[in-house]
PDB file of N, CA and C in Angstrom:
ATOM      1  N   MET A   1      20.297 -51.224  49.618  1.00  0.00           N
ATOM      2  CA  MET A   1      20.499 -51.101  48.047  1.00  0.00           C
ATOM      3  C   MET A   1      21.680 -50.006  47.518  1.00  0.00           C
ATOM      4  N   SER A   2      21.637 -50.060  46.590  1.00  0.00           N
ATOM      5  CA  SER A   2      22.939 -49.010  46.401  1.00  0.00           C
ATOM      6  C   SER A   2      22.909 -47.954  45.771  1.00  0.00           C
ATOM      7  N   GLN A   3      23.875 -47.185  45.929  1.00  0.00           N
ATOM      8  CA  GLN A   3      23.323 -45.949  45.118  1.00  0.00           C
ATOM      9  C   GLN A   3      22.954 -45.443  43.884  1.00  0.00           C
ATOM     10  N   GLU A   4      23.327 -45.986  42.984  1.00  0.00           N
ATOM     11  CA  GLU A   4      22.893 -46.238  42.159  1.00  0.00           C
ATOM     12  C   GLU A   4      21.270 -46.551  41.786  1.00  0.00           C
ATOM     13  N   LYS A   5      20.662 -47.270  41.926  1.00  0.00           N
ATOM     14  CA  LYS A   5      19.629 -47.355  42.115  1.00  0.00           C
ATOM     15  C   LYS A   5      19.172 -46.442  43.110  1.00  0.00           C
ATOM     16  N   VAL A   6      19.283 -45.769  43.692  1.00  0.00           N
ATOM     17  CA  VAL A   6      18.693 -44.597  44.813  1.00  0.00           C
ATOM     18  C   VAL A   6      18.828 -43.247  43.319  1.00  0.00           C
ATOM     19  N   ASP A   7      18.965 -43.451  43.208  1.00  0.00           N
ATOM     20  CA  ASP A   7      19.427 -41.965  42.281  1.00  0.00           C
ATOM     21  C   ASP A   7      18.285 -41.880  40.866  1.00  0.00           C
ATOM     22  N   LYS A   8      18.506 -43.833  40.885  1.00  0.00           N
ATOM     23  CA  LYS A   8      17.768 -44.018  39.704  1.00  0.00           C
ATOM     24  C   LYS A   8      15.622 -43.635  39.880  1.00  0.00           C
ATOM     25  N   ARG A   9      15.247 -43.949  41.672  1.00  0.00           N
ATOM     26  CA  ARG A   9      14.505 -43.748  41.527  1.00  0.00           C
ATOM     27  C   ARG A   9      14.840 -42.424  41.633  1.00  0.00           C
ATOM     28  N   LYS A  10      14.995 -42.115  41.970  1.00  0.00           N
ATOM     29  CA  LYS A  10      14.538 -40.515  42.557  1.00  0.00           C
ATOM     30  C   LYS A  10      14.526 -39.705  40.687  1.00  0.00           C
ATOM     31  N   GLN A  11      14.936 -39.683  39.570  1.00  0.00           N
ATOM     32  CA  GLN A  11      15.085 -39.444  38.675  1.00  0.00           C
ATOM     33  C   GLN A  11      13.847 -39.813  38.251  1.00  0.00           C
ATOM     34  N   GLU A  12      13.504 -40.849  38.368  1.00  0.00           N
ATOM     35  CA  GLU A  12      12.270 -41.063  38.048  1.00  0.00           C
ATOM     36  C   GLU A  12      10.713 -40.893  38.309  1.00  0.00           C
ATOM     37  N   LYS A  13      11.095 -41.022  39.899  1.00  0.00           N
ATOM     38  CA  LYS A  13       9.680 -39.663  40.593  1.00  0.00           C
ATOM     39  C   LYS A  13       9.996 -38.403  40.340  1.00  0.00           C
ATOM     40  N   TYR A  14      11.370 -38.157  39.729  1.00  0.00           N
ATOM     41  CA  TYR A  14      11.150 -36.436  39.765  1.00  0.00           C
ATOM     42  C   TYR A  14      10.632 -36.586  37.972  1.00  0.00           C
ATOM     43  N   ASN A  15      10.823 -37.637  36.562  1.00  0.00           N
ATOM     44  CA  ASN A  15      10.847 -37.086  36.098  1.00  0.00           C
ATOM     45  C   ASN A  15       8.541 -37.531  36.063  1.00  0.00           C
ATOM     46  N   ARG A  16       8.109 -37.741  36.773  1.00  0.00           N
ATOM     47  CA  ARG A  16       6.823 -38.318  36.899  1.00  0.00           C
ATOM     48  C   ARG A  16       6.025 -36.998  37.218  1.00  0.00           C
ATOM     49  N   LEU A  17       6.179 -36.123  38.381  1.00  0.00           N
ATOM     50  CA  LEU A  17       6.041 -35.145  38.395  1.00  0.00           C
ATOM     51  C   LEU A  17       5.534 -34.573  37.642  1.00  0.00           C
ATOM     52  N   HIS A  18       7.453 -33.574  37.745  1.00  0.00           N
ATOM     53  CA  HIS A  18       7.533 -33.019  36.362  1.00  0.00           C
ATOM     54  C   HIS A  18       7.165 -33.237  34.709  1.00  0.00           C
ATOM     55  N   PRO A  19       6.878 -33.217  34.374  1.00  0.00           N
ATOM     56  CA  PRO A  19       6.376 -33.589  33.065  1.00  0.00           C
ATOM     57  C   PRO A  19       7.340 -32.743  32.177  1.00  0.00           C
ATOM     58  N   LYS A  20       7.714 -32.842  31.207  1.00  0.00           N
ATOM     59  CA  LYS A  20       8.335 -32.397  30.046  1.00  0.00           C
ATOM     60  C   LYS A  20       7.915 -31.214  29.280  1.00  0.00           C
ATOM     61  N   LYS A  21       8.246 -29.536  29.760  1.00  0.00           N
ATOM     62  CA  LYS A  21       7.564 -29.161  28.950  1.00  0.00           C
ATOM     63  C   LYS A  21       7.294 -29.289  27.226  1.00  0.00           C
ATOM     64  N   SER A  22       8.625 -29.496  26.638  1.00  0.00           N
ATOM     65  CA  SER A  22       8.339 -29.503  24.797  1.00  0.00           C
ATOM     66  C   SER A  22       6.786 -31.088  24.640  1.00  0.00           C
ATOM     67  N   THR A  23       6.604 -31.724  25.702  1.00  0.00           N
ATOM     68  CA  THR A  23       5.594 -32.887  25.604  1.00  0.00           C
ATOM     69  C   THR A  23       4.431 -32.057  25.858  1.00  0.00           C
ATOM     70  N   SER A  24       4.366 -30.855  27.165  1.00  0.00           N
ATOM     71  CA  SER A  24       2.999 -29.870  26.652  1.00  0.00           C
ATOM     72  C   SER A  24       2.943 -29.224  25.782  1.00  0.00           C
ATOM     73  N   ILE A  25       4.190 -28.383  25.124  1.00  0.00           N
ATOM     74  CA  ILE A  25       3.501 -27.750  24.114  1.00  0.00           C
ATOM     75  C   ILE A  25       3.019 -28.278  22.418  1.00  0.00           C
ATOM     76  N   LYS A  26       3.764 -29.757  22.161  1.00  0.00           N
ATOM     77  CA  LYS A  26       3.519 -30.885  21.543  1.00  0.00           C
ATOM     78  C   LYS A  26       2.180 -30.561  21.871  1.00  0.00           C
ATOM     79  N   LYS A  27       0.738 -30.338  22.426  1.00  0.00           N
ATOM     80  CA  LYS A  27       0.378 -31.268  22.500  1.00  0.00           C
ATOM     81  C   LYS A  27      -1.282 -29.710  22.712  1.00  0.00           C
ATOM     82  N   PHE A  28      -0.216 -28.566  22.370  1.00  0.00           N
ATOM     83  CA  PHE A  28      -0.984 -27.196  22.639  1.00  0.00           C
ATOM     84  C   PHE A  28      -0.910 -26.758  21.420  1.00  0.00           C
ATOM     85  N   ILE A  29      -0.315 -27.246  20.419  1.00  0.00           N
ATOM     86  CA  ILE A  29       0.287 -26.878  19.190  1.00  0.00           C
ATOM     87  C   ILE A  29      -1.251 -27.254  18.365  1.00  0.00           C
ATOM     88  N   PRO A  30      -1.750 -28.492  18.395  1.00  0.00           N
ATOM     89  CA  PRO A  30      -2.908 -28.329  17.781  1.00  0.00           C
ATOM     90  C   PRO A  30      -3.639 -27.630  18.040  1.00  0.00           C
ATOM     91  N   TYR A  31      -4.248 -27.253  19.133  1.00  0.00           N
ATOM     92  CA  TYR A  31      -5.596 -26.533  19.193  1.00  0.00           C
ATOM     93  C   TYR A  31      -5.601 -24.793  19.904  1.00  0.00           C
ATOM     94  N   VAL A  32      -4.256 -24.281  19.040  1.00  0.00           N
ATOM     95  CA  VAL A  32      -3.897 -23.610  18.288  1.00  0.00           C
ATOM     96  C   VAL A  32      -4.258 -22.935  16.595  1.00  0.00           C
ATOM     97  N   VAL A  33      -3.884 -23.767  16.638  1.00  0.00           N
ATOM     98  CA  VAL A  33      -3.710 -24.147  15.071  1.00  0.00           C
ATOM     99  C   VAL A  33      -5.491 -24.975  14.366  1.00  0.00           C
ATOM    100  N   ILE A  34      -5.998 -24.786  15.129  1.00  0.00           N
ATOM    101  CA  ILE A  34      -7.609 -25.253  14.865  1.00  0.00           C
ATOM    102  C   ILE A  34      -8.139 -24.148  15.823  1.00  0.00           C
ATOM    103  N   ALA A  35      -6.966 -22.853  16.146  1.00  0.00           N
ATOM    104  CA  ALA A  35      -8.412 -21.601  16.928  1.00  0.00           C
ATOM    105  C   ALA A  35      -7.661 -20.818  15.531  1.00  0.00           C
ATOM    106  N   ILE A  36      -7.169 -20.553  14.972  1.00  0.00           N
ATOM    107  CA  ILE A  36      -7.162 -20.143  14.156  1.00  0.00           C
ATOM    108  C   ILE A  36      -7.882 -20.170  12.899  1.00  0.00           C
ATOM    109  N   ILE A  37      -7.651 -21.268  12.109  1.00  0.00           N
ATOM    110  CA  ILE A  37      -8.733 -22.135  11.339  1.00  0.00           C
ATOM    111  C   ILE A  37      -9.735 -21.582  11.069  1.00  0.00           C
ATOM    112  N   ALA A  38     -10.440 -21.585  12.586  1.00  0.00           N
ATOM    113  CA  ALA A  38     -11.352 -21.708  13.129  1.00  0.00           C
ATOM    114  C   ALA A  38     -12.119 -20.119  12.528  1.00  0.00           C
ATOM    115  N   ILE A  39     -11.058 -19.282  12.900  1.00  0.00           N
ATOM    116  CA  ILE A  39     -10.986 -17.521  13.417  1.00  0.00           C
ATOM    117  C   ILE A  39     -10.727 -17.022  11.706  1.00  0.00           C
ATOM    118  N   LEU A  40     -10.254 -17.732  11.323  1.00  0.00           N
ATOM    119  CA  LEU A  40     -10.224 -17.386   9.305  1.00  0.00           C
ATOM    120  C   LEU A  40     -11.424 -17.458   9.150  1.00  0.00           C
ATOM    121  N   PHE A  41     -11.776 -18.735   8.519  1.00  0.00           N
ATOM    122  CA  PHE A  41     -13.084 -18.919   8.808  1.00  0.00           C
ATOM    123  C   PHE A  41     -14.153 -18.064   8.748  1.00  0.00           C
ATOM    124  N   ILE A  42     -14.398 -18.083   9.972  1.00  0.00           N
ATOM    125  CA  ILE A  42     -15.459 -17.269  10.725  1.00  0.00           C
ATOM    126  C   ILE A  42     -15.373 -15.532   9.714  1.00  0.00           C
ATOM    127  N   CYS A  43     -14.678 -14.968  10.084  1.00  0.00           N
ATOM    128  CA  CYS A  43     -13.792 -13.976   9.167  1.00  0.00           C
ATOM    129  C   CYS A  43     -14.506 -14.344   7.557  1.00  0.00           C
ATOM    130  N   TRP A  44     -14.066 -15.235   6.820  1.00  0.00           N
ATOM    131  CA  TRP A  44     -14.466 -15.446   6.146  1.00  0.00           C
ATOM    132  C   TRP A  44     -15.665 -15.033   5.020  1.00  0.00           C
ATOM    133  N   VAL A  45     -16.181 -15.677   6.118  1.00  0.00           N
ATOM    134  CA  VAL A  45     -18.157 -16.719   6.279  1.00  0.00           C
ATOM    135  C   VAL A  45     -17.886 -14.733   6.528  1.00  0.00           C
ATOM    136  N   GLY A  46     -18.245 -13.988   7.607  1.00  0.00           N
ATOM    137  CA  GLY A  46     -18.490 -12.786   7.539  1.00  0.00           C
ATOM    138  C   GLY A  46     -18.107 -11.686   6.211  1.00  0.00           C
ATOM    139  N   PHE A  47     -17.004 -11.822   5.898  1.00  0.00           N
ATOM    140  CA  PHE A  47     -16.599 -10.986   4.927  1.00  0.00           C
ATOM    141  C   PHE A  47     -18.209 -11.099   3.319  1.00  0.00           C
ATOM    142  N   SER A  48     -17.427 -12.451   3.037  1.00  0.00           N
ATOM    143  CA  SER A  48     -19.141 -12.804   2.244  1.00  0.00           C
ATOM    144  C   SER A  48     -20.388 -12.381   2.214  1.00  0.00           C
ATOM    145  N   ILE A  49     -20.654 -12.376   3.942  1.00  0.00           N
ATOM    146  CA  ILE A  49     -21.925 -12.302   4.095  1.00  0.00           C
ATOM    147  C   ILE A  49     -22.338 -10.810   4.250  1.00  0.00           C
ATOM    148  N   ASP A  50     -21.560 -10.109   4.517  1.00  0.00           N
ATOM    149  CA  ASP A  50     -21.053  -8.836   4.222  1.00  0.00           C
ATOM    150  C   ASP A  50     -21.226  -7.643   2.984  1.00  0.00           C
ATOM    151  N   ARG A  51     -20.238  -8.826   2.138  1.00  0.00           N
ATOM    152  CA  ARG A  51     -20.520  -8.204   0.679  1.00  0.00           C
ATOM    153  C   ARG A  51     -21.645  -8.572  -0.202  1.00  0.00           C
ATOM    154  N   GLU A  52     -22.375  -9.564   0.359  1.00  0.00           N
ATOM    155  CA  GLU A  52     -23.915 -10.194  -0.300  1.00  0.00           C
ATOM    156  C   GLU A  52     -24.833  -8.954   0.199  1.00  0.00           C
ATOM    157  N   ILE A  53     -24.932  -8.316   1.538  1.00  0.00           N
ATOM    158  CA  ILE A  53     -25.787  -7.393   1.079  1.00  0.00           C
ATOM    159  C   ILE A  53     -25.708  -6.379   1.799  1.00  0.00           C
ATOM    160  N   ASN A  54     -24.225  -5.772   1.175  1.00  0.00           N
ATOM    161  CA  ASN A  54     -23.766  -4.369   0.888  1.00  0.00           C
ATOM    162  C   ASN A  54     -22.254  -3.989  -0.275  1.00  0.00           C
ATOM    163  N   PRO A  55     -22.791  -4.063  -1.096  1.00  0.00           N
ATOM    164  CA  PRO A  55     -22.092  -4.300  -2.598  1.00  0.00           C
ATOM    165  C   PRO A  55     -21.810  -3.388  -3.062  1.00  0.00           C
ATOM    166  N   GLU A  56     -22.393  -2.280  -2.537  1.00  0.00           N
ATOM    167  CA  GLU A  56     -21.963  -0.620  -3.525  1.00  0.00           C
ATOM    168  C   GLU A  56     -20.189  -1.116  -2.289  1.00  0.00           C
ATOM    169  N   LYS A  57     -20.425  -1.408  -1.526  1.00  0.00           N
ATOM    170  CA  LYS A  57     -18.985  -0.658  -0.025  1.00  0.00           C
ATOM    171  C   LYS A  57     -17.949  -1.362  -0.581  1.00  0.00           C
ATOM    172  N   TYR A  58     -17.820  -2.422  -2.222  1.00  0.00           N
ATOM    173  CA  TYR A  58     -16.456  -3.451  -1.586  1.00  0.00           C
ATOM    174  C   TYR A  58     -16.940  -3.508  -3.654  1.00  0.00           C
ATOM    175  N   THR A  59     -17.214  -2.176  -4.590  1.00  0.00           N
ATOM    176  CA  THR A  59     -17.417  -2.022  -6.168  1.00  0.00           C
ATOM    177  C   THR A  59     -16.534  -1.258  -6.095  1.00  0.00           C
ATOM    178  N   THR A  60     -15.732  -0.215  -6.741  1.00  0.00           N
ATOM    179  CA  THR A  60     -14.601   0.447  -7.290  1.00  0.00           C
ATOM    180  C   THR A  60     -15.199   1.115  -9.168  1.00  0.00           C
ATOM    181  N   THR A  61     -15.642   2.369  -9.365  1.00  0.00           N
ATOM    182  CA  THR A  61     -16.133   2.191 -10.851  1.00  0.00           C
ATOM    183  C   THR A  61     -14.511   3.353 -11.298  1.00  0.00           C
ATOM    184  N   ALA A  62     -13.973   2.894 -11.821  1.00  0.00           N
ATOM    185  CA  ALA A  62     -13.241   2.897 -12.588  1.00  0.00           C
ATOM    186  C   ALA A  62     -12.777   4.309 -13.685  1.00  0.00           C
ATOM    187  N   PRO A  63     -11.996   5.146 -13.273  1.00  0.00           N
ATOM    188  CA  PRO A  63     -12.171   5.989 -14.125  1.00  0.00           C
ATOM    189  C   PRO A  63     -11.859   6.102 -15.802  1.00  0.00           C
ATOM    190  N   ALA A  64     -12.747   6.676 -16.403  1.00  0.00           N
ATOM    191  CA  ALA A  64     -13.205   6.871 -17.738  1.00  0.00           C
ATOM    192  C   ALA A  64     -12.108   6.916 -18.562  1.00  0.00           C
ATOM    193  N   ILE A  65     -11.221   5.793 -19.316  1.00  0.00           N
ATOM    194  CA  ILE A  65     -10.249   5.569 -20.385  1.00  0.00           C
ATOM    195  C   ILE A  65     -10.088   6.599 -21.366  1.00  0.00           C
ATOM    196  N   THR A  66      -9.382   7.574 -21.639  1.00  0.00           N
ATOM    197  CA  THR A  66      -9.616   7.710 -22.473  1.00  0.00           C
ATOM    198  C   THR A  66      -8.012   7.579 -24.320  1.00  0.00           C
ATOM    199  N   SER A  67      -8.946   7.474 -25.426  1.00  0.00           N
ATOM    200  CA  SER A  67      -7.645   7.335 -26.152  1.00  0.00           C
ATOM    201  C   SER A  67      -6.434   8.383 -26.369  1.00  0.00           C
ATOM    202  N   SER A  68      -5.683   7.626 -26.267  1.00  0.00           N
ATOM    203  CA  SER A  68      -4.243   9.260 -26.275  1.00  0.00           C
ATOM    204  C   SER A  68      -3.844   9.559 -28.031  1.00  0.00           C
ATOM    205  N   SER A  69      -4.278   7.960 -28.668  1.00  0.00           N
ATOM    206  CA  SER A  69      -4.834   8.724 -30.050  1.00  0.00           C
ATOM    207  C   SER A  69      -5.465   9.916 -30.719  1.00  0.00           C
ATOM    208  N   VAL A  70      -6.144  10.055 -29.856  1.00  0.00           N
ATOM    209  CA  VAL A  70      -6.783  11.676 -30.175  1.00  0.00           C
ATOM    210  C   VAL A  70      -6.386  12.190 -30.453  1.00  0.00           C
ATOM    211  N   LYS A  71      -6.309  13.142 -30.831  1.00  0.00           N
ATOM    212  CA  LYS A  71      -5.406  14.654 -30.780  1.00  0.00           C
ATOM    213  C   LYS A  71      -6.709  15.807 -30.590  1.00  0.00           C
ATOM    214  N   LYS A  72      -6.242  17.027 -29.201  1.00  0.00           N
ATOM    215  CA  LYS A  72      -7.646  17.265 -29.331  1.00  0.00           C
ATOM    216  C   LYS A  72      -6.488  18.860 -29.337  1.00  0.00           C
ATOM    217  N   SER A  73      -7.416  19.534 -29.934  1.00  0.00           N
ATOM    218  CA  SER A  73      -6.886  21.521 -29.888  1.00  0.00           C
ATOM    219  C   SER A  73      -6.561  22.007 -28.571  1.00  0.00           C
ATOM    220  N   LYS A  74      -6.163  23.496 -28.497  1.00  0.00           N
ATOM    221  CA  LYS A  74      -5.723  23.609 -26.849  1.00  0.00           C
ATOM    222  C   LYS A  74      -7.488  24.204 -26.620  1.00  0.00           C
ATOM    223  N   LYS A  75      -8.010  24.705 -27.316  1.00  0.00           N
ATOM    224  CA  LYS A  75      -9.011  24.992 -27.165  1.00  0.00           C
ATOM    225  C   LYS A  75      -9.842  23.994 -26.099  1.00  0.00           C
ATOM    226  N   GLU A  76     -10.267  23.210 -26.939  1.00  0.00           N
ATOM    227  CA  GLU A  76     -10.872  22.113 -26.091  1.00  0.00           C
ATOM    228  C   GLU A  76     -10.792  20.913 -25.265  1.00  0.00           C
ATOM    229  N   ILE A  77      -8.889  22.017 -25.219  1.00  0.00           N
ATOM    230  CA  ILE A  77      -8.593  21.078 -23.759  1.00  0.00           C
ATOM    231  C   ILE A  77      -8.927  22.241 -23.073  1.00  0.00           C
ATOM    232  N   GLU A  78      -8.672  22.490 -23.027  1.00  0.00           N
ATOM    233  CA  GLU A  78      -8.821  24.115 -22.256  1.00  0.00           C
ATOM    234  C   GLU A  78     -10.521  24.570 -21.857  1.00  0.00           C
ATOM    235  N   SER A  79     -10.916  24.277 -22.759  1.00  0.00           N
ATOM    236  CA  SER A  79     -12.841  24.233 -21.946  1.00  0.00           C
ATOM    237  C   SER A  79     -12.940  23.007 -21.589  1.00  0.00           C
ATOM    238  N   LEU A  80     -12.372  21.843 -21.689  1.00  0.00           N
ATOM    239  CA  LEU A  80     -12.753  20.823 -20.498  1.00  0.00           C
ATOM    240  C   LEU A  80     -11.923  21.384 -19.501  1.00  0.00           C
ATOM    241  N   ARG A  81     -11.051  21.857 -19.195  1.00  0.00           N
ATOM    242  CA  ARG A  81     -10.111  21.943 -18.041  1.00  0.00           C
ATOM    243  C   ARG A  81     -10.963  22.456 -17.627  1.00  0.00           C
ATOM    244  N   GLU A  82     -11.704  23.959 -17.727  1.00  0.00           N
ATOM    245  CA  GLU A  82     -12.552  25.534 -17.698  1.00  0.00           C
ATOM    246  C   GLU A  82     -13.654  24.425 -16.589  1.00  0.00           C
ATOM    247  N   GLU A  83     -13.978  23.233 -17.884  1.00  0.00           N
ATOM    248  CA  GLU A  83     -15.121  22.628 -17.377  1.00  0.00           C
ATOM    249  C   GLU A  83     -14.962  21.805 -15.482  1.00  0.00           C
ATOM    250  N   LEU A  84     -13.620  20.934 -15.734  1.00  0.00           N
ATOM    251  CA  LEU A  84     -13.310  20.357 -14.764  1.00  0.00           C
ATOM    252  C   LEU A  84     -13.738  21.213 -12.933  1.00  0.00           C
ATOM    253  N   ILE A  85     -13.141  22.238 -13.152  1.00  0.00           N
ATOM    254  CA  ILE A  85     -12.943  23.014 -11.747  1.00  0.00           C
ATOM    255  C   ILE A  85     -13.598  23.347 -12.295  1.00  0.00           C
ATOM    256  N   LYS A  86     -15.086  24.011 -13.239  1.00  0.00           N
ATOM    257  CA  LYS A  86     -16.557  24.437 -12.557  1.00  0.00           C
ATOM    258  C   LYS A  86     -16.782  23.359 -11.556  1.00  0.00           C
ATOM    259  N   ASN A  87     -17.338  21.521 -12.463  1.00  0.00           N
ATOM    260  CA  ASN A  87     -17.067  21.032 -11.757  1.00  0.00           C
ATOM    261  C   ASN A  87     -16.956  20.441  -9.662  1.00  0.00           C
ATOM    262  N   GLY A  88     -15.630  21.288  -9.417  1.00  0.00           N
ATOM    263  CA  GLY A  88     -15.425  20.889  -8.258  1.00  0.00           C
ATOM    264  C   GLY A  88     -14.215  20.092  -8.280  1.00  0.00           C
ATOM    265  N   ASP A  89     -13.519  19.814  -9.605  1.00  0.00           N
ATOM    266  CA  ASP A  89     -12.847  18.224  -9.982  1.00  0.00           C
ATOM    267  C   ASP A  89     -11.299  18.684  -9.414  1.00  0.00           C
ATOM    268  N   THR A  90     -10.587  18.016  -7.856  1.00  0.00           N
ATOM    269  CA  THR A  90     -10.100  18.983  -7.150  1.00  0.00           C
ATOM    270  C   THR A  90      -8.310  18.689  -7.536  1.00  0.00           C
ATOM    271  N   ASN A  91      -8.666  17.517  -8.884  1.00  0.00           N
ATOM    272  CA  ASN A  91      -7.053  16.889  -8.839  1.00  0.00           C
ATOM    273  C   ASN A  91      -6.821  17.895 -10.249  1.00  0.00           C
ATOM    274  N   VAL A  92      -7.198  19.501 -10.735  1.00  0.00           N
ATOM    275  CA  VAL A  92      -6.927  19.721 -11.756  1.00  0.00           C
ATOM    276  C   VAL A  92      -6.605  21.415 -11.085  1.00  0.00           C
ATOM    277  N   ALA A  93      -5.411  21.704 -11.504  1.00  0.00           N
ATOM    278  CA  ALA A  93      -4.026  22.397 -10.521  1.00  0.00           C
ATOM    279  C   ALA A  93      -5.218  23.939 -11.645  1.00  0.00           C
ATOM    280  N   VAL A  94      -5.567  24.749 -10.287  1.00  0.00           N
ATOM    281  CA  VAL A  94      -6.055  26.033 -11.268  1.00  0.00           C
ATOM    282  C   VAL A  94      -4.487  27.100 -10.737  1.00  0.00           C
ATOM    283  N   GLU A  95      -4.372  27.336 -12.589  1.00  0.00           N
ATOM    284  CA  GLU A  95      -3.159  28.086 -12.494  1.00  0.00           C
ATOM    285  C   GLU A  95      -3.864  29.522 -13.496  1.00  0.00           C
ATOM    286  N   ASN A  96      -3.090  30.663 -13.074  1.00  0.00           N
ATOM    287  CA  ASN A  96      -3.318  31.649 -13.711  1.00  0.00           C
ATOM    288  C   ASN A  96      -3.078  31.537 -14.950  1.00  0.00           C
ATOM    289  N   THR A  97      -3.371  32.338 -16.064  1.00  0.00           N
ATOM    290  CA  THR A  97      -2.410  31.879 -17.719  1.00  0.00           C
ATOM    291  C   THR A  97      -1.478  33.018 -17.384  1.00  0.00           C
ATOM    292  N   LYS A  98      -1.922  34.440 -16.717  1.00  0.00           N
ATOM    293  CA  LYS A  98      -0.646  34.749 -16.668  1.00  0.00           C
ATOM    294  C   LYS A  98       0.471  34.975 -16.085  1.00  0.00           C
ATOM    295  N   ASP A  99       0.278  34.875 -14.833  1.00  0.00           N
ATOM    296  CA  ASP A  99       1.397  33.624 -14.047  1.00  0.00           C
ATOM    297  C   ASP A  99       2.045  32.461 -15.138  1.00  0.00           C
ATOM    298  N   SER A 100       1.578  31.897 -15.451  1.00  0.00           N
ATOM    299  CA  SER A 100       2.129  30.606 -16.220  1.00  0.00           C
ATOM    300  C   SER A 100       2.457  31.567 -17.429  1.00  0.00           C
ATOM    301  N   LYS A 101       2.670  32.373 -18.243  1.00  0.00           N
ATOM    302  CA  LYS A 101       3.459  32.827 -19.112  1.00  0.00           C
ATOM    303  C   LYS A 101       4.514  33.281 -18.918  1.00  0.00           C
ATOM    304  N   LYS A 102       3.883  34.322 -17.365  1.00  0.00           N
ATOM    305  CA  LYS A 102       5.388  34.770 -16.534  1.00  0.00           C
ATOM    306  C   LYS A 102       5.830  33.205 -16.612  1.00  0.00           C
ATOM    307  N   THR A 103       5.915  32.516 -15.592  1.00  0.00           N
ATOM    308  CA  THR A 103       7.126  32.184 -15.734  1.00  0.00           C
ATOM    309  C   THR A 103       7.594  30.717 -17.033  1.00  0.00           C
ATOM    310  N   LYS A 104       6.569  30.851 -18.018  1.00  0.00           N
ATOM    311  CA  LYS A 104       7.169  30.485 -18.687  1.00  0.00           C
ATOM    312  C   LYS A 104       8.404  30.946 -19.821  1.00  0.00           C
ATOM    313  N   ASP A 105       8.398  32.409 -19.341  1.00  0.00           N
ATOM    314  CA  ASP A 105       9.550  33.428 -20.261  1.00  0.00           C
ATOM    315  C   ASP A 105       9.919  33.442 -19.653  1.00  0.00           C
ATOM    316  N   SER A 106      10.496  33.393 -18.003  1.00  0.00           N
ATOM    317  CA  SER A 106      11.417  33.193 -17.237  1.00  0.00           C
ATOM    318  C   SER A 106      12.092  31.763 -17.454  1.00  0.00           C
ATOM    319  N   LYS A 107      11.464  30.162 -18.159  1.00  0.00           N
ATOM    320  CA  LYS A 107      12.397  29.365 -17.816  1.00  0.00           C
ATOM    321  C   LYS A 107      13.475  29.410 -18.763  1.00  0.00           C
ATOM    322  N   LYS A 108      12.584  30.135 -19.743  1.00  0.00           N
ATOM    323  CA  LYS A 108      13.026  30.283 -21.526  1.00  0.00           C
ATOM    324  C   LYS A 108      14.627  31.598 -21.333  1.00  0.00           C
ATOM    325  N   ASP A 109      14.146  32.331 -21.031  1.00  0.00           N
ATOM    326  CA  ASP A 109      15.363  32.553 -20.087  1.00  0.00           C
ATOM    327  C   ASP A 109      16.457  32.515 -19.791  1.00  0.00           C
ATOM    328  N   SER A 110      15.755  31.988 -18.459  1.00  0.00           N
ATOM    329  CA  SER A 110      17.034  31.395 -17.743  1.00  0.00           C
ATOM    330  C   SER A 110      17.963  30.665 -18.856  1.00  0.00           C
ATOM    331  N   LYS A 111      17.301  29.432 -19.562  1.00  0.00           N
ATOM    332  CA  LYS A 111      17.685  28.315 -20.354  1.00  0.00           C
ATOM    333  C   LYS A 111      19.315  29.820 -21.384  1.00  0.00           C
ATOM    334  N   LYS A 112      18.561  30.277 -21.379  1.00  0.00           N
ATOM    335  CA  LYS A 112      19.091  31.315 -22.946  1.00  0.00           C
ATOM    336  C   LYS A 112      20.309  31.990 -22.053  1.00  0.00           C
ATOM    337  N   ASP A 113      20.300  32.260 -20.802  1.00  0.00           N
ATOM    338  CA  ASP A 113      21.329  32.679 -19.720  1.00  0.00           C
ATOM    339  C   ASP A 113      22.744  31.813 -19.910  1.00  0.00           C
ATOM    340  N   SER A 114      21.782  30.755 -19.059  1.00  0.00           N
ATOM    341  CA  SER A 114      22.817  29.068 -19.376  1.00  0.00           C
ATOM    342  C   SER A 114      23.757  29.330 -20.375  1.00  0.00           C
ATOM    343  N   LYS A 115      22.943  28.815 -22.167  1.00  0.00           N
ATOM    344  CA  LYS A 115      23.604  28.922 -23.155  1.00  0.00           C
ATOM    345  C   LYS A 115      25.305  30.400 -23.042  1.00  0.00           C
ATOM    346  N   LYS A 116      24.309  31.049 -22.994  1.00  0.00           N
ATOM    347  CA  LYS A 116      25.263  31.904 -22.981  1.00  0.00           C
ATOM    348  C   LYS A 116      26.905  31.287 -21.663  1.00  0.00           C
ATOM    349  N   ASP A 117      26.389  31.613 -20.916  1.00  0.00           N
ATOM    350  CA  ASP A 117      27.984  31.426 -20.317  1.00  0.00           C
ATOM    351  C   ASP A 117      28.225  29.814 -21.166  1.00  0.00           C
ATOM    352  N   SER A 118      28.186  29.059 -21.148  1.00  0.00           N
ATOM    353  CA  SER A 118      28.259  27.798 -21.428  1.00  0.00           C
ATOM    354  C   SER A 118      29.722  28.622 -22.678  1.00  0.00           C
ATOM    355  N   LYS A 119      29.064  28.638 -23.249  1.00  0.00           N
ATOM    356  CA  LYS A 119      29.964  29.318 -24.764  1.00  0.00           C
ATOM    357  C   LYS A 119      30.887  30.121 -24.865  1.00  0.00           C
ATOM    358  N   LYS A 120      30.510  31.033 -23.566  1.00  0.00           N
ATOM    359  CA  LYS A 120      31.429  31.654 -22.572  1.00  0.00           C
ATOM    360  C   LYS A 120      32.755  30.909 -22.103  1.00  0.00           C
ATOM    361  N   ASP A 121      32.015  30.315 -21.102  1.00  0.00           N
ATOM    362  CA  ASP A 121      33.277  29.137 -20.911  1.00  0.00           C
ATOM    363  C   ASP A 121      33.951  28.193 -21.621  1.00  0.00           C
ATOM    364  N   SER A 122      33.524  27.648 -22.765  1.00  0.00           N
ATOM    365  CA  SER A 122      34.550  27.179 -24.037  1.00  0.00           C
ATOM    366  C   SER A 122      36.036  27.657 -24.924  1.00  0.00           C
ATOM    367  N   LYS A 123      35.388  28.887 -25.022  1.00  0.00           N
ATOM    368  CA  LYS A 123      35.771  29.834 -25.463  1.00  0.00           C
ATOM    369  C   LYS A 123      37.077  29.796 -24.510  1.00  0.00           C
ATOM    370  N   LYS A 124      37.084  29.972 -23.604  1.00  0.00           N
ATOM    371  CA  LYS A 124      38.533  30.896 -22.728  1.00  0.00           C
ATOM    372  C   LYS A 124      39.146  29.249 -22.863  1.00  0.00           C
TER     373      LYS A 124
END
């Protein structure tokens, strides 16, 4: 036999004993895709059943929408605020009226000072 025939037969034997990895991967991919689809389907069914059994778990109550066109007086706003604080609403900031007046006054003073400084700088 010639050397070419010997090499050819050796290569054929090697190919029979060691199949290509790409073919084994191609055989494996459909199983993975089917498994993922099955898992997603099972999760969807479970979620649907749970939603039917416990509807309060998945329903949310939307906060009341107030119209911005209705103007309220300061007294009404303050009474609503106090009522919310009394009911324990954590979204309402509790502030002392004395402290808030001081901060407002200090902001006004700082604005006046900055205006005076800018006028002095412009005169120079």
